[in-house]
Amino acid sequence: MNDTIHRWFAEHPGSVGETYTEHFRVAFSFSMWLFYGAFACLVHAVFPAFYKRTGSATVKRLHAVMMARQPASTRAAYQEPAWRPEYEI
């Protein structure tokens, strides 16, 4: 049971040098920005005059934040040999 709890809640945050609470805060923040970007893209799809650059600006901002959080000695996730996209677009 403790192994399962550790795997679910602590293994990944620990692997990126964060506590569960720190990881939660960062991941939650990213999810809110993604919802905002998705909403802007949806509105833009219906009304092209609105949110012309919000979706791409949101993706660029999140990418910059993610890259800044990576240790200098590590490669970006997409540069790892074992990396595979979870979903195809």
PDB file of N, CA and C in Angstrom:
ATOM      1  N   MET A   1       0.824  -1.199   0.000  1.00  0.00           N
ATOM      2  CA  MET A   1       0.000   0.000   0.000  1.00  0.00           C
ATOM      3  C   MET A   1       0.864   1.257   0.000  1.00  0.00           C
ATOM      4  N   ASN A   2       1.873   1.311   0.873  1.00  0.00           N
ATOM      5  CA  ASN A   2       2.731   2.483   0.929  1.00  0.00           C
ATOM      6  C   ASN A   2       3.489   2.689  -0.368  1.00  0.00           C
ATOM      7  N   ASP A   3       3.875   1.586  -1.038  1.00  0.00           N
ATOM      8  CA  ASP A   3       4.551   1.710  -2.328  1.00  0.00           C
ATOM      9  C   ASP A   3       3.635   2.342  -3.364  1.00  0.00           C
ATOM     10  N   THR A   4       2.381   1.943  -3.352  1.00  0.00           N
ATOM     11  CA  THR A   4       1.417   2.498  -4.293  1.00  0.00           C
ATOM     12  C   THR A   4       1.203   3.984  -4.028  1.00  0.00           C
ATOM     13  N   ILE A   5       1.041   4.351  -2.782  1.00  0.00           N
ATOM     14  CA  ILE A   5       0.835   5.752  -2.427  1.00  0.00           C
ATOM     15  C   ILE A   5       2.060   6.571  -2.819  1.00  0.00           C
ATOM     16  N   HIS A   6       3.229   6.055  -2.527  1.00  0.00           N
ATOM     17  CA  HIS A   6       4.465   6.755  -2.900  1.00  0.00           C
ATOM     18  C   HIS A   6       4.547   6.918  -4.406  1.00  0.00           C
ATOM     19  N   ARG A   7       4.243   5.861  -5.153  1.00  0.00           N
ATOM     20  CA  ARG A   7       4.310   5.921  -6.607  1.00  0.00           C
ATOM     21  C   ARG A   7       3.320   6.947  -7.162  1.00  0.00           C
ATOM     22  N   TRP A   8       2.127   6.980  -6.616  1.00  0.00           N
ATOM     23  CA  TRP A   8       1.103   7.900  -7.113  1.00  0.00           C
ATOM     24  C   TRP A   8       1.385   9.352  -6.765  1.00  0.00           C
ATOM     25  N   PHE A   9       1.875   9.598  -5.561  1.00  0.00           N
ATOM     26  CA  PHE A   9       1.941  10.971  -5.079  1.00  0.00           C
ATOM     27  C   PHE A   9       3.334  11.556  -4.894  1.00  0.00           C
ATOM     28  N   ALA A  10       4.365  10.743  -4.828  1.00  0.00           N
ATOM     29  CA  ALA A  10       5.685  11.292  -4.503  1.00  0.00           C
ATOM     30  C   ALA A  10       6.778  10.940  -5.501  1.00  0.00           C
ATOM     31  N   GLU A  11       6.631   9.849  -6.213  1.00  0.00           N
ATOM     32  CA  GLU A  11       7.713   9.401  -7.086  1.00  0.00           C
ATOM     33  C   GLU A  11       8.063  10.433  -8.156  1.00  0.00           C
ATOM     34  N   HIS A  12       7.092  10.853  -8.943  1.00  0.00           N
ATOM     35  CA  HIS A  12       7.371  11.825 -10.006  1.00  0.00           C
ATOM     36  C   HIS A  12       7.798  13.184  -9.453  1.00  0.00           C
ATOM     37  N   PRO A  13       7.070  13.770  -8.497  1.00  0.00           N
ATOM     38  CA  PRO A  13       7.546  15.055  -7.957  1.00  0.00           C
ATOM     39  C   PRO A  13       8.984  14.968  -7.445  1.00  0.00           C
ATOM     40  N   GLY A  14       9.308  13.881  -6.776  1.00  0.00           N
ATOM     41  CA  GLY A  14      10.674  13.711  -6.288  1.00  0.00           C
ATOM     42  C   GLY A  14      11.689  13.620  -7.412  1.00  0.00           C
ATOM     43  N   SER A  15      11.285  13.014  -8.531  1.00  0.00           N
ATOM     44  CA  SER A  15      12.207  12.855  -9.659  1.00  0.00           C
ATOM     45  C   SER A  15      12.535  14.187 -10.334  1.00  0.00           C
ATOM     46  N   VAL A  16      11.698  15.188 -10.125  1.00  0.00           N
ATOM     47  CA  VAL A  16      11.961  16.521 -10.679  1.00  0.00           C
ATOM     48  C   VAL A  16      12.358  17.519  -9.596  1.00  0.00           C
ATOM     49  N   GLY A  17      12.685  16.984  -8.412  1.00  0.00           N
ATOM     50  CA  GLY A  17      13.198  17.827  -7.333  1.00  0.00           C
ATOM     51  C   GLY A  17      12.164  18.680  -6.628  1.00  0.00           C
ATOM     52  N   GLU A  18      10.926  18.183  -6.567  1.00  0.00           N
ATOM     53  CA  GLU A  18       9.860  18.943  -5.915  1.00  0.00           C
ATOM     54  C   GLU A  18       9.148  18.080  -4.886  1.00  0.00           C
ATOM     55  N   THR A  19       8.512  18.738  -3.940  1.00  0.00           N
ATOM     56  CA  THR A  19       7.608  18.041  -3.040  1.00  0.00           C
ATOM     57  C   THR A  19       6.277  17.880  -3.768  1.00  0.00           C
ATOM     58  N   TYR A  20       5.387  17.084  -3.182  1.00  0.00           N
ATOM     59  CA  TYR A  20       4.057  16.938  -3.783  1.00  0.00           C
ATOM     60  C   TYR A  20       3.362  18.296  -3.894  1.00  0.00           C
ATOM     61  N   THR A  21       3.436  19.103  -2.828  1.00  0.00           N
ATOM     62  CA  THR A  21       2.763  20.406  -2.822  1.00  0.00           C
ATOM     63  C   THR A  21       3.344  21.344  -3.871  1.00  0.00           C
ATOM     64  N   GLU A  22       4.662  21.390  -3.986  1.00  0.00           N
ATOM     65  CA  GLU A  22       5.289  22.235  -5.008  1.00  0.00           C
ATOM     66  C   GLU A  22       4.868  21.791  -6.402  1.00  0.00           C
ATOM     67  N   HIS A  23       4.888  20.484  -6.629  1.00  0.00           N
ATOM     68  CA  HIS A  23       4.515  19.961  -7.938  1.00  0.00           C
ATOM     69  C   HIS A  23       3.047  20.238  -8.242  1.00  0.00           C
ATOM     70  N   PHE A  24       2.194  20.085  -7.251  1.00  0.00           N
ATOM     71  CA  PHE A  24       0.775  20.374  -7.422  1.00  0.00           C
ATOM     72  C   PHE A  24       0.573  21.817  -7.858  1.00  0.00           C
ATOM     73  N   ARG A  25       1.247  22.735  -7.163  1.00  0.00           N
ATOM     74  CA  ARG A  25       1.095  24.165  -7.469  1.00  0.00           C
ATOM     75  C   ARG A  25       1.508  24.458  -8.911  1.00  0.00           C
ATOM     76  N   VAL A  26       2.642  23.929  -9.329  1.00  0.00           N
ATOM     77  CA  VAL A  26       3.136  24.178 -10.688  1.00  0.00           C
ATOM     78  C   VAL A  26       2.208  23.539 -11.719  1.00  0.00           C
ATOM     79  N   ALA A  27       1.857  22.272 -11.506  1.00  0.00           N
ATOM     80  CA  ALA A  27       0.994  21.575 -12.465  1.00  0.00           C
ATOM     81  C   ALA A  27      -0.387  22.226 -12.550  1.00  0.00           C
ATOM     82  N   PHE A  28      -0.923  22.647 -11.406  1.00  0.00           N
ATOM     83  CA  PHE A  28      -2.221  23.311 -11.405  1.00  0.00           C
ATOM     84  C   PHE A  28      -2.154  24.624 -12.171  1.00  0.00           C
ATOM     85  N   SER A  29      -1.079  25.376 -11.964  1.00  0.00           N
ATOM     86  CA  SER A  29      -0.896  26.635 -12.692  1.00  0.00           C
ATOM     87  C   SER A  29      -0.853  26.390 -14.195  1.00  0.00           C
ATOM     88  N   PHE A  30      -0.103  25.362 -14.603  1.00  0.00           N
ATOM     89  CA  PHE A  30      -0.042  25.026 -16.023  1.00  0.00           C
ATOM     90  C   PHE A  30      -1.426  24.668 -16.554  1.00  0.00           C
ATOM     91  N   SER A  31      -2.187  23.910 -15.778  1.00  0.00           N
ATOM     92  CA  SER A  31      -3.521  23.513 -16.252  1.00  0.00           C
ATOM     93  C   SER A  31      -4.433  24.714 -16.432  1.00  0.00           C
ATOM     94  N   MET A  32      -4.333  25.702 -15.537  1.00  0.00           N
ATOM     95  CA  MET A  32      -5.161  26.899 -15.676  1.00  0.00           C
ATOM     96  C   MET A  32      -4.774  27.685 -16.933  1.00  0.00           C
ATOM     97  N   TRP A  33      -3.470  27.820 -17.195  1.00  0.00           N
ATOM     98  CA  TRP A  33      -3.029  28.504 -18.414  1.00  0.00           C
ATOM     99  C   TRP A  33      -3.469  27.739 -19.658  1.00  0.00           C
ATOM    100  N   LEU A  34      -3.440  26.406 -19.605  1.00  0.00           N
ATOM    101  CA  LEU A  34      -3.886  25.611 -20.754  1.00  0.00           C
ATOM    102  C   LEU A  34      -5.383  25.768 -20.988  1.00  0.00           C
ATOM    103  N   PHE A  35      -6.181  25.795 -19.916  1.00  0.00           N
ATOM    104  CA  PHE A  35      -7.620  26.046 -20.068  1.00  0.00           C
ATOM    105  C   PHE A  35      -7.865  27.421 -20.694  1.00  0.00           C
ATOM    106  N   TYR A  36      -7.126  28.413 -20.222  1.00  0.00           N
ATOM    107  CA  TYR A  36      -7.248  29.767 -20.767  1.00  0.00           C
ATOM    108  C   TYR A  36      -6.906  29.771 -22.259  1.00  0.00           C
ATOM    109  N   GLY A  37      -5.801  29.133 -22.629  1.00  0.00           N
ATOM    110  CA  GLY A  37      -5.401  29.079 -24.036  1.00  0.00           C
ATOM    111  C   GLY A  37      -6.409  28.320 -24.884  1.00  0.00           C
ATOM    112  N   ALA A  38      -6.925  27.225 -24.339  1.00  0.00           N
ATOM    113  CA  ALA A  38      -7.924  26.440 -25.072  1.00  0.00           C
ATOM    114  C   ALA A  38      -9.206  27.241 -25.273  1.00  0.00           C
ATOM    115  N   PHE A  39      -9.635  27.950 -24.241  1.00  0.00           N
ATOM    116  CA  PHE A  39     -10.830  28.784 -24.364  1.00  0.00           C
ATOM    117  C   PHE A  39     -10.621  29.863 -25.425  1.00  0.00           C
ATOM    118  N   ALA A  40      -9.458  30.497 -25.411  1.00  0.00           N
ATOM    119  CA  ALA A  40      -9.160  31.538 -26.398  1.00  0.00           C
ATOM    120  C   ALA A  40      -9.176  30.957 -27.811  1.00  0.00           C
ATOM    121  N   CYS A  41      -8.635  29.760 -27.983  1.00  0.00           N
ATOM    122  CA  CYS A  41      -8.641  29.122 -29.307  1.00  0.00           C
ATOM    123  C   CYS A  41     -10.061  28.788 -29.759  1.00  0.00           C
ATOM    124  N   LEU A  42     -10.889  28.337 -28.824  1.00  0.00           N
ATOM    125  CA  LEU A  42     -12.281  28.026 -29.157  1.00  0.00           C
ATOM    126  C   LEU A  42     -13.024  29.286 -29.598  1.00  0.00           C
ATOM    127  N   VAL A  43     -12.872  30.356 -28.845  1.00  0.00           N
ATOM    128  CA  VAL A  43     -13.516  31.624 -29.213  1.00  0.00           C
ATOM    129  C   VAL A  43     -12.976  32.100 -30.556  1.00  0.00           C
ATOM    130  N   HIS A  44     -11.680  31.992 -30.754  1.00  0.00           N
ATOM    131  CA  HIS A  44     -11.062  32.417 -32.010  1.00  0.00           C
ATOM    132  C   HIS A  44     -11.591  31.592 -33.196  1.00  0.00           C
ATOM    133  N   ALA A  45     -11.840  30.315 -32.972  1.00  0.00           N
ATOM    134  CA  ALA A  45     -12.374  29.469 -34.049  1.00  0.00           C
ATOM    135  C   ALA A  45     -13.734  29.968 -34.519  1.00  0.00           C
ATOM    136  N   VAL A  46     -14.552  30.424 -33.583  1.00  0.00           N
ATOM    137  CA  VAL A  46     -15.899  30.903 -33.913  1.00  0.00           C
ATOM    138  C   VAL A  46     -15.860  32.356 -34.395  1.00  0.00           C
ATOM    139  N   PHE A  47     -15.069  33.170 -33.708  1.00  0.00           N
ATOM    140  CA  PHE A  47     -14.946  34.592 -34.025  1.00  0.00           C
ATOM    141  C   PHE A  47     -13.478  34.922 -34.308  1.00  0.00           C
ATOM    142  N   PRO A  48     -13.019  34.767 -35.552  1.00  0.00           N
ATOM    143  CA  PRO A  48     -11.598  34.940 -35.874  1.00  0.00           C
ATOM    144  C   PRO A  48     -11.005  36.301 -35.482  1.00  0.00           C
ATOM    145  N   ALA A  49     -11.820  37.297 -35.289  1.00  0.00           N
ATOM    146  CA  ALA A  49     -11.302  38.614 -34.918  1.00  0.00           C
ATOM    147  C   ALA A  49     -10.865  38.680 -33.459  1.00  0.00           C
ATOM    148  N   PHE A  50     -11.291  37.702 -32.646  1.00  0.00           N
ATOM    149  CA  PHE A  50     -10.949  37.702 -31.223  1.00  0.00           C
ATOM    150  C   PHE A  50      -9.796  36.745 -30.931  1.00  0.00           C
ATOM    151  N   TYR A  51      -9.004  37.091 -29.925  1.00  0.00           N
ATOM    152  CA  TYR A  51      -7.918  36.232 -29.435  1.00  0.00           C
ATOM    153  C   TYR A  51      -7.005  35.744 -30.557  1.00  0.00           C
ATOM    154  N   LYS A  52      -6.570  36.659 -31.398  1.00  0.00           N
ATOM    155  CA  LYS A  52      -5.779  36.300 -32.580  1.00  0.00           C
ATOM    156  C   LYS A  52      -4.459  35.609 -32.241  1.00  0.00           C
ATOM    157  N   ARG A  53      -3.841  35.978 -31.146  1.00  0.00           N
ATOM    158  CA  ARG A  53      -2.533  35.412 -30.812  1.00  0.00           C
ATOM    159  C   ARG A  53      -2.477  34.799 -29.407  1.00  0.00           C
ATOM    160  N   THR A  54      -3.598  34.735 -28.752  1.00  0.00           N
ATOM    161  CA  THR A  54      -3.604  34.283 -27.361  1.00  0.00           C
ATOM    162  C   THR A  54      -3.198  32.820 -27.213  1.00  0.00           C
ATOM    163  N   GLY A  55      -3.705  31.958 -28.073  1.00  0.00           N
ATOM    164  CA  GLY A  55      -3.368  30.534 -27.995  1.00  0.00           C
ATOM    165  C   GLY A  55      -1.883  30.301 -28.174  1.00  0.00           C
ATOM    166  N   SER A  56      -1.307  30.856 -29.229  1.00  0.00           N
ATOM    167  CA  SER A  56       0.126  30.648 -29.471  1.00  0.00           C
ATOM    168  C   SER A  56       0.974  31.331 -28.403  1.00  0.00           C
ATOM    169  N   ALA A  57       0.548  32.497 -27.930  1.00  0.00           N
ATOM    170  CA  ALA A  57       1.292  33.191 -26.872  1.00  0.00           C
ATOM    171  C   ALA A  57       1.281  32.370 -25.580  1.00  0.00           C
ATOM    172  N   THR A  58       0.167  31.715 -25.299  1.00  0.00           N
ATOM    173  CA  THR A  58       0.065  30.880 -24.106  1.00  0.00           C
ATOM    174  C   THR A  58       1.003  29.685 -24.205  1.00  0.00           C
ATOM    175  N   VAL A  59       1.027  29.030 -25.356  1.00  0.00           N
ATOM    176  CA  VAL A  59       1.922  27.884 -25.562  1.00  0.00           C
ATOM    177  C   VAL A  59       3.381  28.324 -25.439  1.00  0.00           C
ATOM    178  N   LYS A  60       3.722  29.452 -26.046  1.00  0.00           N
ATOM    179  CA  LYS A  60       5.100  29.955 -25.965  1.00  0.00           C
ATOM    180  C   LYS A  60       5.480  30.291 -24.532  1.00  0.00           C
ATOM    181  N   ARG A  61       4.567  30.893 -23.798  1.00  0.00           N
ATOM    182  CA  ARG A  61       4.839  31.243 -22.403  1.00  0.00           C
ATOM    183  C   ARG A  61       5.075  29.992 -21.575  1.00  0.00           C
ATOM    184  N   LEU A  62       4.206  28.998 -21.731  1.00  0.00           N
ATOM    185  CA  LEU A  62       4.365  27.771 -20.961  1.00  0.00           C
ATOM    186  C   LEU A  62       5.653  27.042 -21.330  1.00  0.00           C
ATOM    187  N   HIS A  63       6.009  27.055 -22.595  1.00  0.00           N
ATOM    188  CA  HIS A  63       7.259  26.425 -23.023  1.00  0.00           C
ATOM    189  C   HIS A  63       8.447  27.122 -22.372  1.00  0.00           C
ATOM    190  N   ALA A  64       8.435  28.439 -22.355  1.00  0.00           N
ATOM    191  CA  ALA A  64       9.532  29.195 -21.743  1.00  0.00           C
ATOM    192  C   ALA A  64       9.638  28.889 -20.248  1.00  0.00           C
ATOM    193  N   VAL A  65       8.506  28.831 -19.569  1.00  0.00           N
ATOM    194  CA  VAL A  65       8.511  28.518 -18.140  1.00  0.00           C
ATOM    195  C   VAL A  65       9.046  27.104 -17.922  1.00  0.00           C
ATOM    196  N   MET A  66       8.582  26.155 -18.731  1.00  0.00           N
ATOM    197  CA  MET A  66       9.011  24.774 -18.587  1.00  0.00           C
ATOM    198  C   MET A  66      10.514  24.639 -18.825  1.00  0.00           C
ATOM    199  N   MET A  67      11.032  25.300 -19.848  1.00  0.00           N
ATOM    200  CA  MET A  67      12.464  25.218 -20.147  1.00  0.00           C
ATOM    201  C   MET A  67      13.290  25.884 -19.048  1.00  0.00           C
ATOM    202  N   ALA A  68      12.795  26.965 -18.474  1.00  0.00           N
ATOM    203  CA  ALA A  68      13.520  27.660 -17.413  1.00  0.00           C
ATOM    204  C   ALA A  68      13.590  26.812 -16.146  1.00  0.00           C
ATOM    205  N   ARG A  69      12.637  25.937 -15.951  1.00  0.00           N
ATOM    206  CA  ARG A  69      12.598  25.084 -14.764  1.00  0.00           C
ATOM    207  C   ARG A  69      13.504  23.873 -14.884  1.00  0.00           C
ATOM    208  N   GLN A  70      13.972  23.562 -16.094  1.00  0.00           N
ATOM    209  CA  GLN A  70      14.807  22.383 -16.299  1.00  0.00           C
ATOM    210  C   GLN A  70      16.239  22.661 -15.862  1.00  0.00           C
ATOM    211  N   PRO A  71      16.870  21.717 -15.193  1.00  0.00           N
ATOM    212  CA  PRO A  71      18.283  21.898 -14.872  1.00  0.00           C
ATOM    213  C   PRO A  71      19.107  22.023 -16.154  1.00  0.00           C
ATOM    214  N   ALA A  72      20.139  22.828 -16.122  1.00  0.00           N
ATOM    215  CA  ALA A  72      20.957  23.074 -17.316  1.00  0.00           C
ATOM    216  C   ALA A  72      21.594  21.797 -17.854  1.00  0.00           C
ATOM    217  N   SER A  73      21.826  20.825 -17.003  1.00  0.00           N
ATOM    218  CA  SER A  73      22.515  19.617 -17.425  1.00  0.00           C
ATOM    219  C   SER A  73      21.603  18.602 -18.102  1.00  0.00           C
ATOM    220  N   THR A  74      20.301  18.817 -18.058  1.00  0.00           N
ATOM    221  CA  THR A  74      19.391  17.840 -18.653  1.00  0.00           C
ATOM    222  C   THR A  74      18.894  18.316 -19.998  1.00  0.00           C
ATOM    223  N   ARG A  75      18.495  17.359 -20.793  1.00  0.00           N
ATOM    224  CA  ARG A  75      17.913  17.674 -22.093  1.00  0.00           C
ATOM    225  C   ARG A  75      16.412  17.859 -21.932  1.00  0.00           C
ATOM    226  N   ALA A  76      15.830  18.550 -22.885  1.00  0.00           N
ATOM    227  CA  ALA A  76      14.374  18.686 -22.901  1.00  0.00           C
ATOM    228  C   ALA A  76      13.772  17.299 -23.120  1.00  0.00           C
ATOM    229  N   ALA A  77      12.561  17.088 -22.646  1.00  0.00           N
ATOM    230  CA  ALA A  77      11.921  15.773 -22.736  1.00  0.00           C
ATOM    231  C   ALA A  77      11.882  15.256 -24.174  1.00  0.00           C
ATOM    232  N   TYR A  78      11.583  16.119 -25.130  1.00  0.00           N
ATOM    233  CA  TYR A  78      11.479  15.664 -26.513  1.00  0.00           C
ATOM    234  C   TYR A  78      12.835  15.278 -27.108  1.00  0.00           C
ATOM    235  N   GLN A  79      13.932  15.632 -26.439  1.00  0.00           N
ATOM    236  CA  GLN A  79      15.263  15.260 -26.914  1.00  0.00           C
ATOM    237  C   GLN A  79      15.724  13.910 -26.369  1.00  0.00           C
ATOM    238  N   GLU A  80      14.997  13.370 -25.428  1.00  0.00           N
ATOM    239  CA  GLU A  80      15.351  12.074 -24.861  1.00  0.00           C
ATOM    240  C   GLU A  80      15.044  10.974 -25.865  1.00  0.00           C
ATOM    241  N   PRO A  81      15.953   9.998 -26.005  1.00  0.00           N
ATOM    242  CA  PRO A  81      15.734   8.920 -26.988  1.00  0.00           C
ATOM    243  C   PRO A  81      14.439   8.133 -26.775  1.00  0.00           C
ATOM    244  N   ALA A  82      14.019   7.978 -25.523  1.00  0.00           N
ATOM    245  CA  ALA A  82      12.823   7.185 -25.242  1.00  0.00           C
ATOM    246  C   ALA A  82      11.527   7.988 -25.355  1.00  0.00           C
ATOM    247  N   TRP A  83      11.618   9.267 -25.642  1.00  0.00           N
ATOM    248  CA  TRP A  83      10.420  10.105 -25.651  1.00  0.00           C
ATOM    249  C   TRP A  83       9.515   9.763 -26.825  1.00  0.00           C
ATOM    250  N   ARG A  84       8.251   9.696 -26.541  1.00  0.00           N
ATOM    251  CA  ARG A  84       7.217   9.497 -27.564  1.00  0.00           C
ATOM    252  C   ARG A  84       6.040  10.373 -27.202  1.00  0.00           C
ATOM    253  N   PRO A  85       5.430  11.024 -28.184  1.00  0.00           N
ATOM    254  CA  PRO A  85       4.241  11.825 -27.852  1.00  0.00           C
ATOM    255  C   PRO A  85       3.130  10.915 -27.330  1.00  0.00           C
ATOM    256  N   GLU A  86       2.422  11.406 -26.330  1.00  0.00           N
ATOM    257  CA  GLU A  86       1.330  10.608 -25.772  1.00  0.00           C
ATOM    258  C   GLU A  86       0.148  10.538 -26.716  1.00  0.00           C
ATOM    259  N   TYR A  87      -0.051  11.609 -27.472  1.00  0.00           N
ATOM    260  CA  TYR A  87      -1.173  11.669 -28.400  1.00  0.00           C
ATOM    261  C   TYR A  87      -0.682  12.275 -29.705  1.00  0.00           C
ATOM    262  N   GLU A  88      -1.189  11.762 -30.790  1.00  0.00           N
ATOM    263  CA  GLU A  88      -0.881  12.346 -32.090  1.00  0.00           C
ATOM    264  C   GLU A  88      -1.908  13.408 -32.405  1.00  0.00           C
ATOM    265  N   ILE A  89      -1.448  14.499 -32.951  1.00  0.00           N
ATOM    266  CA  ILE A  89      -2.367  15.595 -33.306  1.00  0.00           C
ATOM    267  C   ILE A  89      -2.837  15.414 -34.726  1.00  0.00           C
TER     268      ILE A  89
END
